[in-house]
Amino acid sequence: HIARAVGASVGSDPLGWSRTIRHQFPRDR
């Protein structure tokens, strides 16, 4: 279960510093 959750979390990170900061940081629990 945890491996699946980690995979979904890391796998959703977008490519690119600026895109990660603008899109991923605001939705990160």
PDB file of all heavy atoms in Angstrom:
ATOM      1  N   HIS A   1       0.820  -1.210   0.000  1.00  0.00           N
ATOM      2  CA  HIS A   1       0.000   0.000   0.000  1.00  0.00           C
ATOM      3  C   HIS A   1       0.853   1.260   0.000  1.00  0.00           C
ATOM      4  O   HIS A   1       0.565   2.221  -0.729  1.00  0.00           O
ATOM      5  CB  HIS A   1      -0.921   0.001   1.223  1.00  0.00           C
ATOM      6  CG  HIS A   1      -2.150  -0.832   1.057  1.00  0.00           C
ATOM      7  ND1 HIS A   1      -3.231  -0.423   0.310  1.00  0.00           N
ATOM      8  CD2 HIS A   1      -2.475  -2.051   1.538  1.00  0.00           C
ATOM      9  CE1 HIS A   1      -4.178  -1.340   0.344  1.00  0.00           C
ATOM     10  NE2 HIS A   1      -3.734  -2.352   1.082  1.00  0.00           N
ATOM     11  N   ILE A   2       1.909   1.267   0.801  1.00  0.00           N
ATOM     12  CA  ILE A   2       2.750   2.460   0.875  1.00  0.00           C
ATOM     13  C   ILE A   2       3.536   2.645  -0.413  1.00  0.00           C
ATOM     14  O   ILE A   2       3.675   3.763  -0.914  1.00  0.00           O
ATOM     15  CB  ILE A   2       3.687   2.379   2.098  1.00  0.00           C
ATOM     16  CG1 ILE A   2       2.861   2.405   3.387  1.00  0.00           C
ATOM     17  CG2 ILE A   2       4.686   3.536   2.094  1.00  0.00           C
ATOM     18  CD1 ILE A   2       3.664   2.126   4.640  1.00  0.00           C
ATOM     19  N   ALA A   3       4.059   1.560  -0.965  1.00  0.00           N
ATOM     20  CA  ALA A   3       4.795   1.659  -2.224  1.00  0.00           C
ATOM     21  C   ALA A   3       3.896   2.222  -3.320  1.00  0.00           C
ATOM     22  O   ALA A   3       4.327   3.068  -4.123  1.00  0.00           O
ATOM     23  CB  ALA A   3       5.331   0.291  -2.632  1.00  0.00           C
ATOM     24  N   ARG A   4       2.652   1.778  -3.338  1.00  0.00           N
ATOM     25  CA  ARG A   4       1.709   2.295  -4.333  1.00  0.00           C
ATOM     26  C   ARG A   4       1.467   3.791  -4.117  1.00  0.00           C
ATOM     27  O   ARG A   4       1.415   4.572  -5.069  1.00  0.00           O
ATOM     28  CB  ARG A   4       0.388   1.534  -4.235  1.00  0.00           C
ATOM     29  CG  ARG A   4      -0.569   1.783  -5.406  1.00  0.00           C
ATOM     30  CD  ARG A   4      -1.833   0.957  -5.259  1.00  0.00           C
ATOM     31  NE  ARG A   4      -1.511  -0.455  -5.179  1.00  0.00           N
ATOM     32  CZ  ARG A   4      -1.949  -1.270  -4.225  1.00  0.00           C
ATOM     33  NH1 ARG A   4      -2.698  -0.802  -3.233  1.00  0.00           N
ATOM     34  NH2 ARG A   4      -1.636  -2.553  -4.245  1.00  0.00           N
ATOM     35  N   ALA A   5       1.343   4.195  -2.852  1.00  0.00           N
ATOM     36  CA  ALA A   5       1.110   5.612  -2.548  1.00  0.00           C
ATOM     37  C   ALA A   5       2.323   6.466  -2.899  1.00  0.00           C
ATOM     38  O   ALA A   5       2.182   7.581  -3.426  1.00  0.00           O
ATOM     39  CB  ALA A   5       0.764   5.773  -1.069  1.00  0.00           C
ATOM     40  N   VAL A   6       3.524   5.951  -2.599  1.00  0.00           N
ATOM     41  CA  VAL A   6       4.744   6.683  -2.949  1.00  0.00           C
ATOM     42  C   VAL A   6       4.857   6.820  -4.466  1.00  0.00           C
ATOM     43  O   VAL A   6       5.182   7.891  -4.991  1.00  0.00           O
ATOM     44  CB  VAL A   6       5.991   5.990  -2.374  1.00  0.00           C
ATOM     45  CG1 VAL A   6       7.264   6.637  -2.912  1.00  0.00           C
ATOM     46  CG2 VAL A   6       5.982   6.050  -0.844  1.00  0.00           C
ATOM     47  N   GLY A   7       4.598   5.742  -5.170  1.00  0.00           N
ATOM     48  CA  GLY A   7       4.671   5.775  -6.625  1.00  0.00           C
ATOM     49  C   GLY A   7       3.715   6.794  -7.218  1.00  0.00           C
ATOM     50  O   GLY A   7       4.088   7.568  -8.112  1.00  0.00           O
ATOM     51  N   ALA A   8       2.489   6.816  -6.700  1.00  0.00           N
ATOM     52  CA  ALA A   8       1.506   7.775  -7.206  1.00  0.00           C
ATOM     53  C   ALA A   8       1.917   9.197  -6.896  1.00  0.00           C
ATOM     54  O   ALA A   8       1.723  10.113  -7.710  1.00  0.00           O
ATOM     55  CB  ALA A   8       0.138   7.478  -6.588  1.00  0.00           C
ATOM     56  N   SER A   9       2.523   9.410  -5.705  1.00  0.00           N
ATOM     57  CA  SER A   9       2.925  10.748  -5.302  1.00  0.00           C
ATOM     58  C   SER A   9       4.096  11.256  -6.139  1.00  0.00           C
ATOM     59  O   SER A   9       4.034  12.346  -6.728  1.00  0.00           O
ATOM     60  CB  SER A   9       3.297  10.749  -3.815  1.00  0.00           C
ATOM     61  OG  SER A   9       3.677  12.030  -3.383  1.00  0.00           O
ATOM     62  N   VAL A  10       5.165  10.473  -6.213  1.00  0.00           N
ATOM     63  CA  VAL A  10       6.350  10.898  -6.963  1.00  0.00           C
ATOM     64  C   VAL A  10       6.079  10.886  -8.459  1.00  0.00           C
ATOM     65  O   VAL A  10       6.557  11.759  -9.200  1.00  0.00           O
ATOM     66  CB  VAL A  10       7.553  10.002  -6.616  1.00  0.00           C
ATOM     67  CG1 VAL A  10       8.797  10.457  -7.368  1.00  0.00           C
ATOM     68  CG2 VAL A  10       7.812  10.012  -5.113  1.00  0.00           C
ATOM     69  N   GLY A  11       5.316   9.902  -8.903  1.00  0.00           N
ATOM     70  CA  GLY A  11       5.032   9.796 -10.328  1.00  0.00           C
ATOM     71  C   GLY A  11       4.207  10.931 -10.881  1.00  0.00           C
ATOM     72  O   GLY A  11       4.178  11.168 -12.088  1.00  0.00           O
ATOM     73  N   SER A  12       3.525  11.665  -9.995  1.00  0.00           N
ATOM     74  CA  SER A  12       2.689  12.777 -10.450  1.00  0.00           C
ATOM     75  C   SER A  12       3.461  14.082 -10.581  1.00  0.00           C
ATOM     76  O   SER A  12       2.931  15.074 -11.079  1.00  0.00           O
ATOM     77  CB  SER A  12       1.521  12.982  -9.479  1.00  0.00           C
ATOM     78  OG  SER A  12       1.988  13.433  -8.218  1.00  0.00           O
ATOM     79  N   ASP A  13       4.720  14.091 -10.115  1.00  0.00           N
ATOM     80  CA  ASP A  13       5.512  15.319 -10.201  1.00  0.00           C
ATOM     81  C   ASP A  13       5.730  15.697 -11.666  1.00  0.00           C
ATOM     82  O   ASP A  13       6.195  14.873 -12.463  1.00  0.00           O
ATOM     83  CB  ASP A  13       6.870  15.143  -9.525  1.00  0.00           C
ATOM     84  CG  ASP A  13       6.763  15.035  -8.020  1.00  0.00           C
ATOM     85  OD1 ASP A  13       5.683  15.351  -7.485  1.00  0.00           O
ATOM     86  OD2 ASP A  13       7.761  14.640  -7.381  1.00  0.00           O
ATOM     87  N   PRO A  14       5.427  16.921 -12.051  1.00  0.00           N
ATOM     88  CA  PRO A  14       5.634  17.331 -13.444  1.00  0.00           C
ATOM     89  C   PRO A  14       7.104  17.560 -13.747  1.00  0.00           C
ATOM     90  O   PRO A  14       7.928  17.677 -12.839  1.00  0.00           O
ATOM     91  CB  PRO A  14       4.842  18.643 -13.534  1.00  0.00           C
ATOM     92  CG  PRO A  14       4.829  19.176 -12.142  1.00  0.00           C
ATOM     93  CD  PRO A  14       4.823  17.985 -11.232  1.00  0.00           C
ATOM     94  N   LEU A  15       7.443  17.618 -14.999  1.00  0.00           N
ATOM     95  CA  LEU A  15       8.810  17.874 -15.424  1.00  0.00           C
ATOM     96  C   LEU A  15       9.049  19.379 -15.434  1.00  0.00           C
ATOM     97  O   LEU A  15       8.250  20.143 -15.962  1.00  0.00           O
ATOM     98  CB  LEU A  15       9.048  17.294 -16.826  1.00  0.00           C
ATOM     99  CG  LEU A  15      10.455  17.444 -17.411  1.00  0.00           C
ATOM    100  CD1 LEU A  15      11.465  16.657 -16.586  1.00  0.00           C
ATOM    101  CD2 LEU A  15      10.479  16.975 -18.870  1.00  0.00           C
ATOM    102  N   GLY A  16      10.167  19.792 -14.847  1.00  0.00           N
ATOM    103  CA  GLY A  16      10.517  21.210 -14.856  1.00  0.00           C
ATOM    104  C   GLY A  16      10.400  21.841 -13.486  1.00  0.00           C
ATOM    105  O   GLY A  16       9.421  21.642 -12.772  1.00  0.00           O
ATOM    106  N   TRP A  17      11.447  22.594 -13.094  1.00  0.00           N
ATOM    107  CA  TRP A  17      11.489  23.279 -11.809  1.00  0.00           C
ATOM    108  C   TRP A  17      10.282  24.203 -11.629  1.00  0.00           C
ATOM    109  O   TRP A  17       9.571  24.138 -10.638  1.00  0.00           O
ATOM    110  CB  TRP A  17      12.790  24.071 -11.724  1.00  0.00           C
ATOM    111  CG  TRP A  17      12.866  25.186 -10.737  1.00  0.00           C
ATOM    112  CD1 TRP A  17      12.488  26.480 -10.952  1.00  0.00           C
ATOM    113  CD2 TRP A  17      13.359  25.135  -9.395  1.00  0.00           C
ATOM    114  NE1 TRP A  17      12.725  27.240  -9.817  1.00  0.00           N
ATOM    115  CE2 TRP A  17      13.251  26.432  -8.855  1.00  0.00           C
ATOM    116  CE3 TRP A  17      13.893  24.112  -8.596  1.00  0.00           C
ATOM    117  CZ2 TRP A  17      13.657  26.750  -7.563  1.00  0.00           C
ATOM    118  CZ3 TRP A  17      14.296  24.435  -7.308  1.00  0.00           C
ATOM    119  CH2 TRP A  17      14.176  25.719  -6.799  1.00  0.00           C
ATOM    120  N   SER A  18      10.042  25.086 -12.594  1.00  0.00           N
ATOM    121  CA  SER A  18       8.977  26.076 -12.448  1.00  0.00           C
ATOM    122  C   SER A  18       7.607  25.420 -12.395  1.00  0.00           C
ATOM    123  O   SER A  18       6.751  25.826 -11.602  1.00  0.00           O
ATOM    124  CB  SER A  18       9.032  27.088 -13.597  1.00  0.00           C
ATOM    125  OG  SER A  18       8.923  26.439 -14.848  1.00  0.00           O
ATOM    126  N   ARG A  19       7.405  24.410 -13.216  1.00  0.00           N
ATOM    127  CA  ARG A  19       6.095  23.747 -13.221  1.00  0.00           C
ATOM    128  C   ARG A  19       5.866  22.983 -11.920  1.00  0.00           C
ATOM    129  O   ARG A  19       4.754  22.974 -11.384  1.00  0.00           O
ATOM    130  CB  ARG A  19       6.002  22.805 -14.423  1.00  0.00           C
ATOM    131  CG  ARG A  19       4.623  22.183 -14.587  1.00  0.00           C
ATOM    132  CD  ARG A  19       4.500  21.448 -15.902  1.00  0.00           C
ATOM    133  NE  ARG A  19       3.199  20.790 -16.006  1.00  0.00           N
ATOM    134  CZ  ARG A  19       2.073  21.384 -16.348  1.00  0.00           C
ATOM    135  NH1 ARG A  19       2.090  22.679 -16.611  1.00  0.00           N
ATOM    136  NH2 ARG A  19       0.947  20.720 -16.429  1.00  0.00           N
ATOM    137  N   THR A  20       6.924  22.339 -11.405  1.00  0.00           N
ATOM    138  CA  THR A  20       6.791  21.622 -10.135  1.00  0.00           C
ATOM    139  C   THR A  20       6.422  22.573  -9.009  1.00  0.00           C
ATOM    140  O   THR A  20       5.535  22.296  -8.195  1.00  0.00           O
ATOM    141  CB  THR A  20       8.099  20.893  -9.790  1.00  0.00           C
ATOM    142  OG1 THR A  20       8.388  19.937 -10.810  1.00  0.00           O
ATOM    143  CG2 THR A  20       7.994  20.174  -8.450  1.00  0.00           C
ATOM    144  N   ILE A  21       7.098  23.721  -8.954  1.00  0.00           N
ATOM    145  CA  ILE A  21       6.831  24.676  -7.884  1.00  0.00           C
ATOM    146  C   ILE A  21       5.422  25.242  -7.992  1.00  0.00           C
ATOM    147  O   ILE A  21       4.702  25.354  -6.998  1.00  0.00           O
ATOM    148  CB  ILE A  21       7.877  25.806  -7.910  1.00  0.00           C
ATOM    149  CG1 ILE A  21       9.216  25.279  -7.381  1.00  0.00           C
ATOM    150  CG2 ILE A  21       7.416  27.004  -7.092  1.00  0.00           C
ATOM    151  CD1 ILE A  21      10.316  26.306  -7.371  1.00  0.00           C
ATOM    152  N   ARG A  22       5.021  25.598  -9.203  1.00  0.00           N
ATOM    153  CA  ARG A  22       3.713  26.249  -9.351  1.00  0.00           C
ATOM    154  C   ARG A  22       2.553  25.263  -9.266  1.00  0.00           C
ATOM    155  O   ARG A  22       1.469  25.617  -8.794  1.00  0.00           O
ATOM    156  CB  ARG A  22       3.649  26.998 -10.687  1.00  0.00           C
ATOM    157  CG  ARG A  22       4.514  28.249 -10.739  1.00  0.00           C
ATOM    158  CD  ARG A  22       4.109  29.128 -11.913  1.00  0.00           C
ATOM    159  NE  ARG A  22       4.867  30.385 -11.911  1.00  0.00           N
ATOM    160  CZ  ARG A  22       5.833  30.668 -12.770  1.00  0.00           C
ATOM    161  NH1 ARG A  22       6.191  29.778 -13.692  1.00  0.00           N
ATOM    162  NH2 ARG A  22       6.463  31.828 -12.716  1.00  0.00           N
ATOM    163  N   HIS A  23       2.759  24.024  -9.706  1.00  0.00           N
ATOM    164  CA  HIS A  23       1.648  23.073  -9.770  1.00  0.00           C
ATOM    165  C   HIS A  23       1.668  22.042  -8.646  1.00  0.00           C
ATOM    166  O   HIS A  23       0.607  21.644  -8.164  1.00  0.00           O
ATOM    167  CB  HIS A  23       1.665  22.352 -11.126  1.00  0.00           C
ATOM    168  CG  HIS A  23       1.285  23.233 -12.266  1.00  0.00           C
ATOM    169  ND1 HIS A  23       0.034  23.204 -12.856  1.00  0.00           N
ATOM    170  CD2 HIS A  23       1.990  24.179 -12.930  1.00  0.00           C
ATOM    171  CE1 HIS A  23      -0.017  24.098 -13.832  1.00  0.00           C
ATOM    172  NE2 HIS A  23       1.160  24.691 -13.905  1.00  0.00           N
ATOM    173  N   GLN A  24       2.865  21.599  -8.240  1.00  0.00           N
ATOM    174  CA  GLN A  24       2.938  20.513  -7.269  1.00  0.00           C
ATOM    175  C   GLN A  24       2.924  21.009  -5.826  1.00  0.00           C
ATOM    176  O   GLN A  24       2.236  20.450  -4.978  1.00  0.00           O
ATOM    177  CB  GLN A  24       4.188  19.657  -7.512  1.00  0.00           C
ATOM    178  CG  GLN A  24       4.189  18.335  -6.772  1.00  0.00           C
ATOM    179  CD  GLN A  24       3.059  17.424  -7.202  1.00  0.00           C
ATOM    180  OE1 GLN A  24       2.653  17.441  -8.373  1.00  0.00           O
ATOM    181  NE2 GLN A  24       2.522  16.644  -6.282  1.00  0.00           N
ATOM    182  N   PHE A  25       3.686  22.053  -5.535  1.00  0.00           N
ATOM    183  CA  PHE A  25       3.753  22.534  -4.149  1.00  0.00           C
ATOM    184  C   PHE A  25       2.380  22.906  -3.583  1.00  0.00           C
ATOM    185  O   PHE A  25       2.077  22.567  -2.441  1.00  0.00           O
ATOM    186  CB  PHE A  25       4.715  23.729  -4.053  1.00  0.00           C
ATOM    187  CG  PHE A  25       6.146  23.340  -3.786  1.00  0.00           C
ATOM    188  CD1 PHE A  25       6.798  22.401  -4.576  1.00  0.00           C
ATOM    189  CD2 PHE A  25       6.846  23.903  -2.739  1.00  0.00           C
ATOM    190  CE1 PHE A  25       8.111  22.039  -4.342  1.00  0.00           C
ATOM    191  CE2 PHE A  25       8.171  23.552  -2.479  1.00  0.00           C
ATOM    192  CZ  PHE A  25       8.799  22.609  -3.284  1.00  0.00           C
ATOM    193  N   PRO A  26       1.506  23.590  -4.341  1.00  0.00           N
ATOM    194  CA  PRO A  26       0.220  23.986  -3.754  1.00  0.00           C
ATOM    195  C   PRO A  26      -0.694  22.809  -3.420  1.00  0.00           C
ATOM    196  O   PRO A  26      -1.579  22.945  -2.575  1.00  0.00           O
ATOM    197  CB  PRO A  26      -0.415  24.864  -4.841  1.00  0.00           C
ATOM    198  CG  PRO A  26       0.712  25.279  -5.715  1.00  0.00           C
ATOM    199  CD  PRO A  26       1.692  24.149  -5.682  1.00  0.00           C
ATOM    200  N   ARG A  27      -0.504  21.669  -4.082  1.00  0.00           N
ATOM    201  CA  ARG A  27      -1.411  20.544  -3.831  1.00  0.00           C
ATOM    202  C   ARG A  27      -0.768  19.443  -2.983  1.00  0.00           C
ATOM    203  O   ARG A  27      -1.374  18.394  -2.775  1.00  0.00           O
ATOM    204  CB  ARG A  27      -1.911  19.970  -5.148  1.00  0.00           C
ATOM    205  CG  ARG A  27      -0.857  19.351  -6.036  1.00  0.00           C
ATOM    206  CD  ARG A  27      -1.406  19.023  -7.408  1.00  0.00           C
ATOM    207  NE  ARG A  27      -0.471  18.269  -8.229  1.00  0.00           N
ATOM    208  CZ  ARG A  27      -0.572  18.140  -9.541  1.00  0.00           C
ATOM    209  NH1 ARG A  27      -1.560  18.735 -10.183  1.00  0.00           N
ATOM    210  NH2 ARG A  27       0.306  17.422 -10.215  1.00  0.00           N
ATOM    211  N   ASP A  28       0.409  19.698  -2.483  1.00  0.00           N
ATOM    212  CA  ASP A  28       1.142  18.691  -1.709  1.00  0.00           C
ATOM    213  C   ASP A  28       0.628  18.659  -0.267  1.00  0.00           C
ATOM    214  O   ASP A  28       0.744  19.643   0.467  1.00  0.00           O
ATOM    215  CB  ASP A  28       2.636  19.030  -1.739  1.00  0.00           C
ATOM    216  CG  ASP A  28       3.512  17.869  -1.325  1.00  0.00           C
ATOM    217  OD1 ASP A  28       3.038  17.027  -0.543  1.00  0.00           O
ATOM    218  OD2 ASP A  28       4.667  17.824  -1.770  1.00  0.00           O
ATOM    219  N   ARG A  29       0.074  17.547   0.161  1.00  0.00           N
ATOM    220  CA  ARG A  29      -0.417  17.423   1.540  1.00  0.00           C
ATOM    221  C   ARG A  29       0.706  17.577   2.554  1.00  0.00           C
ATOM    222  O   ARG A  29       0.485  18.056   3.667  1.00  0.00           O
ATOM    223  CB  ARG A  29      -1.091  16.054   1.754  1.00  0.00           C
ATOM    224  CG  ARG A  29      -2.494  15.935   1.204  1.00  0.00           C
ATOM    225  CD  ARG A  29      -3.115  14.597   1.596  1.00  0.00           C
ATOM    226  NE  ARG A  29      -3.285  14.473   3.036  1.00  0.00           N
ATOM    227  CZ  ARG A  29      -2.695  13.544   3.791  1.00  0.00           C
ATOM    228  NH1 ARG A  29      -1.863  12.649   3.236  1.00  0.00           N
ATOM    229  NH2 ARG A  29      -2.914  13.498   5.092  1.00  0.00           N
TER     230      ARG A  29
END
